[in-house]
Amino acid sequence: EEMKVTWETRKICGLPDDFPLSCTAVRIPTIRAHSESIVVETERPVDVAAARQALAQAPGVKLVDNTEQLEYPMPQTATGQYDVEVGRLRHRTVRRRSWKTPPPDSTT
């Protein structure tokens, strides 16, 4: 299942076969919907407010991102609609090196 998600994501996004992409699939019986957690690493910083605005205007996407009011994507609220609920957008607190940057030489 995890490799199917990896292959399909690369295909949909037009990414090369060697683009580093990883996922973890967990099968939990649900009646209503599928859920995914997606982490995106970018070469340049992303303004989260601008990302929210872009997602709010994207066709087929319903932005549900108000954690202060406990409003975020949930299978129960996604039931009966075709739009994809997206939310919980935030900057990651841990910084990793870019996938294009080679690892430091461990022999020096």
C-alpha atoms as a PDB file:
ATOM      1  CA  GLU A   1       0.000   0.000   0.000  1.00  0.00           C
ATOM      2  CA  GLU A   2       2.799   2.429   0.866  1.00  0.00           C
ATOM      3  CA  MET A   3       4.576   1.917  -2.449  1.00  0.00           C
ATOM      4  CA  LYS A   4       1.303   2.455  -4.335  1.00  0.00           C
ATOM      5  CA  VAL A   5       0.912   5.836  -2.617  1.00  0.00           C
ATOM      6  CA  THR A   6       4.548   6.722  -3.352  1.00  0.00           C
ATOM      7  CA  TRP A   7       4.311   5.790  -7.044  1.00  0.00           C
ATOM      8  CA  GLU A   8       0.963   7.530  -7.532  1.00  0.00           C
ATOM      9  CA  THR A   9       2.161  10.718  -5.808  1.00  0.00           C
ATOM     10  CA  ARG A  10       5.205  10.914  -8.066  1.00  0.00           C
ATOM     11  CA  LYS A  11       2.995  10.349 -11.106  1.00  0.00           C
ATOM     12  CA  ILE A  12       0.383  12.971 -10.129  1.00  0.00           C
ATOM     13  CA  CYS A  13       3.032  15.565  -9.245  1.00  0.00           C
ATOM     14  CA  GLY A  14       5.198  14.847 -12.282  1.00  0.00           C
ATOM     15  CA  LEU A  15       8.189  13.984 -10.106  1.00  0.00           C
ATOM     16  CA  PRO A  16      11.147  11.904 -11.280  1.00  0.00           C
ATOM     17  CA  ASP A  17      11.326   8.275 -10.185  1.00  0.00           C
ATOM     18  CA  ASP A  18      14.351   9.014  -7.988  1.00  0.00           C
ATOM     19  CA  PHE A  19      12.634  11.892  -6.120  1.00  0.00           C
ATOM     20  CA  PRO A  20      12.852  11.046  -2.408  1.00  0.00           C
ATOM     21  CA  LEU A  21       9.347  10.366  -1.182  1.00  0.00           C
ATOM     22  CA  SER A  22       8.241   8.308   1.745  1.00  0.00           C
ATOM     23  CA  CYS A  23       4.921   7.451   3.300  1.00  0.00           C
ATOM     24  CA  THR A  24       3.502   5.316   6.048  1.00  0.00           C
ATOM     25  CA  ALA A  25       0.181   3.620   5.454  1.00  0.00           C
ATOM     26  CA  VAL A  26      -1.947   2.594   8.413  1.00  0.00           C
ATOM     27  CA  ARG A  27      -5.127   0.649   7.803  1.00  0.00           C
ATOM     28  CA  ILE A  28      -7.878   1.735  10.166  1.00  0.00           C
ATOM     29  CA  PRO A  29     -11.443   0.729   9.365  1.00  0.00           C
ATOM     30  CA  THR A  30     -13.506   3.843   8.643  1.00  0.00           C
ATOM     31  CA  ILE A  31     -16.907   4.206   7.098  1.00  0.00           C
ATOM     32  CA  ARG A  32     -16.535   7.709   5.837  1.00  0.00           C
ATOM     33  CA  ALA A  33     -13.168   8.674   4.374  1.00  0.00           C
ATOM     34  CA  HIS A  34      -9.429   8.181   3.951  1.00  0.00           C
ATOM     35  CA  SER A  35      -6.963  10.336   5.849  1.00  0.00           C
ATOM     36  CA  GLU A  36      -3.411  11.332   4.990  1.00  0.00           C
ATOM     37  CA  SER A  37      -0.716  13.302   6.707  1.00  0.00           C
ATOM     38  CA  ILE A  38       1.554  15.054   4.230  1.00  0.00           C
ATOM     39  CA  VAL A  39       4.894  16.711   4.943  1.00  0.00           C
ATOM     40  CA  VAL A  40       6.329  18.874   2.169  1.00  0.00           C
ATOM     41  CA  GLU A  41       9.940  20.021   2.083  1.00  0.00           C
ATOM     42  CA  THR A  42      10.603  23.026  -0.145  1.00  0.00           C
ATOM     43  CA  GLU A  43      13.786  24.628  -1.382  1.00  0.00           C
ATOM     44  CA  ARG A  44      12.629  28.067  -0.197  1.00  0.00           C
ATOM     45  CA  PRO A  45      10.561  29.086   2.833  1.00  0.00           C
ATOM     46  CA  VAL A  46       6.793  28.995   2.346  1.00  0.00           C
ATOM     47  CA  ASP A  47       4.487  31.619   3.825  1.00  0.00           C
ATOM     48  CA  VAL A  48       1.849  29.515   5.618  1.00  0.00           C
ATOM     49  CA  ALA A  49      -0.763  32.287   5.301  1.00  0.00           C
ATOM     50  CA  ALA A  50      -0.205  32.380   1.520  1.00  0.00           C
ATOM     51  CA  ALA A  51      -0.469  28.583   1.378  1.00  0.00           C
ATOM     52  CA  ARG A  52      -3.774  28.733   3.286  1.00  0.00           C
ATOM     53  CA  GLN A  53      -5.093  31.354   0.874  1.00  0.00           C
ATOM     54  CA  ALA A  54      -4.056  29.301  -2.179  1.00  0.00           C
ATOM     55  CA  LEU A  55      -5.677  26.167  -0.771  1.00  0.00           C
ATOM     56  CA  ALA A  56      -8.861  28.067   0.152  1.00  0.00           C
ATOM     57  CA  GLN A  57      -9.190  29.126  -3.495  1.00  0.00           C
ATOM     58  CA  ALA A  58      -8.254  25.768  -5.025  1.00  0.00           C
ATOM     59  CA  PRO A  59     -11.078  23.890  -6.747  1.00  0.00           C
ATOM     60  CA  GLY A  60     -11.948  20.627  -5.030  1.00  0.00           C
ATOM     61  CA  VAL A  61     -10.343  21.718  -1.747  1.00  0.00           C
ATOM     62  CA  LYS A  62     -12.123  22.769   1.432  1.00  0.00           C
ATOM     63  CA  LEU A  63      -9.812  24.519   3.906  1.00  0.00           C
ATOM     64  CA  VAL A  64     -10.682  23.509   7.477  1.00  0.00           C
ATOM     65  CA  ASP A  65      -7.889  25.012   9.543  1.00  0.00           C
ATOM     66  CA  ASN A  66      -8.972  26.668  12.778  1.00  0.00           C
ATOM     67  CA  THR A  67      -7.299  24.679  15.537  1.00  0.00           C
ATOM     68  CA  GLU A  68      -8.185  27.312  18.160  1.00  0.00           C
ATOM     69  CA  GLN A  69     -11.844  26.367  17.631  1.00  0.00           C
ATOM     70  CA  LEU A  70     -10.942  22.666  17.220  1.00  0.00           C
ATOM     71  CA  GLU A  71     -11.857  22.821  13.521  1.00  0.00           C
ATOM     72  CA  TYR A  72      -9.680  20.627  11.343  1.00  0.00           C
ATOM     73  CA  PRO A  73     -10.259  17.879   8.775  1.00  0.00           C
ATOM     74  CA  MET A  74     -12.157  14.938  10.179  1.00  0.00           C
ATOM     75  CA  PRO A  75     -13.753  11.933   8.447  1.00  0.00           C
ATOM     76  CA  GLN A  76     -17.112  12.799  10.016  1.00  0.00           C
ATOM     77  CA  THR A  77     -17.163  16.316   8.538  1.00  0.00           C
ATOM     78  CA  ALA A  78     -15.862  15.114   5.161  1.00  0.00           C
ATOM     79  CA  THR A  79     -18.787  12.741   4.714  1.00  0.00           C
ATOM     80  CA  GLY A  80     -21.106  13.365   1.793  1.00  0.00           C
ATOM     81  CA  GLN A  81     -18.883  15.752  -0.166  1.00  0.00           C
ATOM     82  CA  TYR A  82     -16.362  15.425  -2.951  1.00  0.00           C
ATOM     83  CA  ASP A  83     -14.086  18.262  -1.861  1.00  0.00           C
ATOM     84  CA  VAL A  84     -10.924  17.272  -0.016  1.00  0.00           C
ATOM     85  CA  GLU A  85     -10.657  18.764   3.460  1.00  0.00           C
ATOM     86  CA  VAL A  86      -7.216  20.234   4.161  1.00  0.00           C
ATOM     87  CA  GLY A  87      -5.964  21.711   7.399  1.00  0.00           C
ATOM     88  CA  ARG A  88      -3.479  21.826  10.247  1.00  0.00           C
ATOM     89  CA  LEU A  89      -0.999  23.735   8.094  1.00  0.00           C
ATOM     90  CA  ARG A  90       2.111  24.755   9.989  1.00  0.00           C
ATOM     91  CA  HIS A  91       5.850  25.113   9.759  1.00  0.00           C
ATOM     92  CA  ARG A  92       7.810  22.129  10.929  1.00  0.00           C
ATOM     93  CA  THR A  93       9.864  22.749  14.017  1.00  0.00           C
ATOM     94  CA  VAL A  94      12.668  20.376  12.964  1.00  0.00           C
ATOM     95  CA  ARG A  95      14.837  21.440  10.038  1.00  0.00           C
ATOM     96  CA  ARG A  96      16.395  18.864   7.719  1.00  0.00           C
ATOM     97  CA  ARG A  97      18.881  19.321   4.922  1.00  0.00           C
ATOM     98  CA  SER A  98      17.605  19.437   1.370  1.00  0.00           C
ATOM     99  CA  TRP A  99      17.313  16.146  -0.525  1.00  0.00           C
ATOM    100  CA  LYS A 100      19.562  17.705  -3.174  1.00  0.00           C
ATOM    101  CA  THR A 101      22.332  18.450  -0.688  1.00  0.00           C
ATOM    102  CA  PRO A 102      24.787  15.561  -0.272  1.00  0.00           C
ATOM    103  CA  PRO A 103      25.357  14.368   3.287  1.00  0.00           C
ATOM    104  CA  PRO A 104      28.434  15.679   5.056  1.00  0.00           C
ATOM    105  CA  ASP A 105      31.587  13.629   4.579  1.00  0.00           C
ATOM    106  CA  SER A 106      31.755  11.352   7.609  1.00  0.00           C
ATOM    107  CA  THR A 107      35.415  10.571   7.080  1.00  0.00           C
ATOM    108  CA  THR A 108      36.700  14.049   7.932  1.00  0.00           C
END
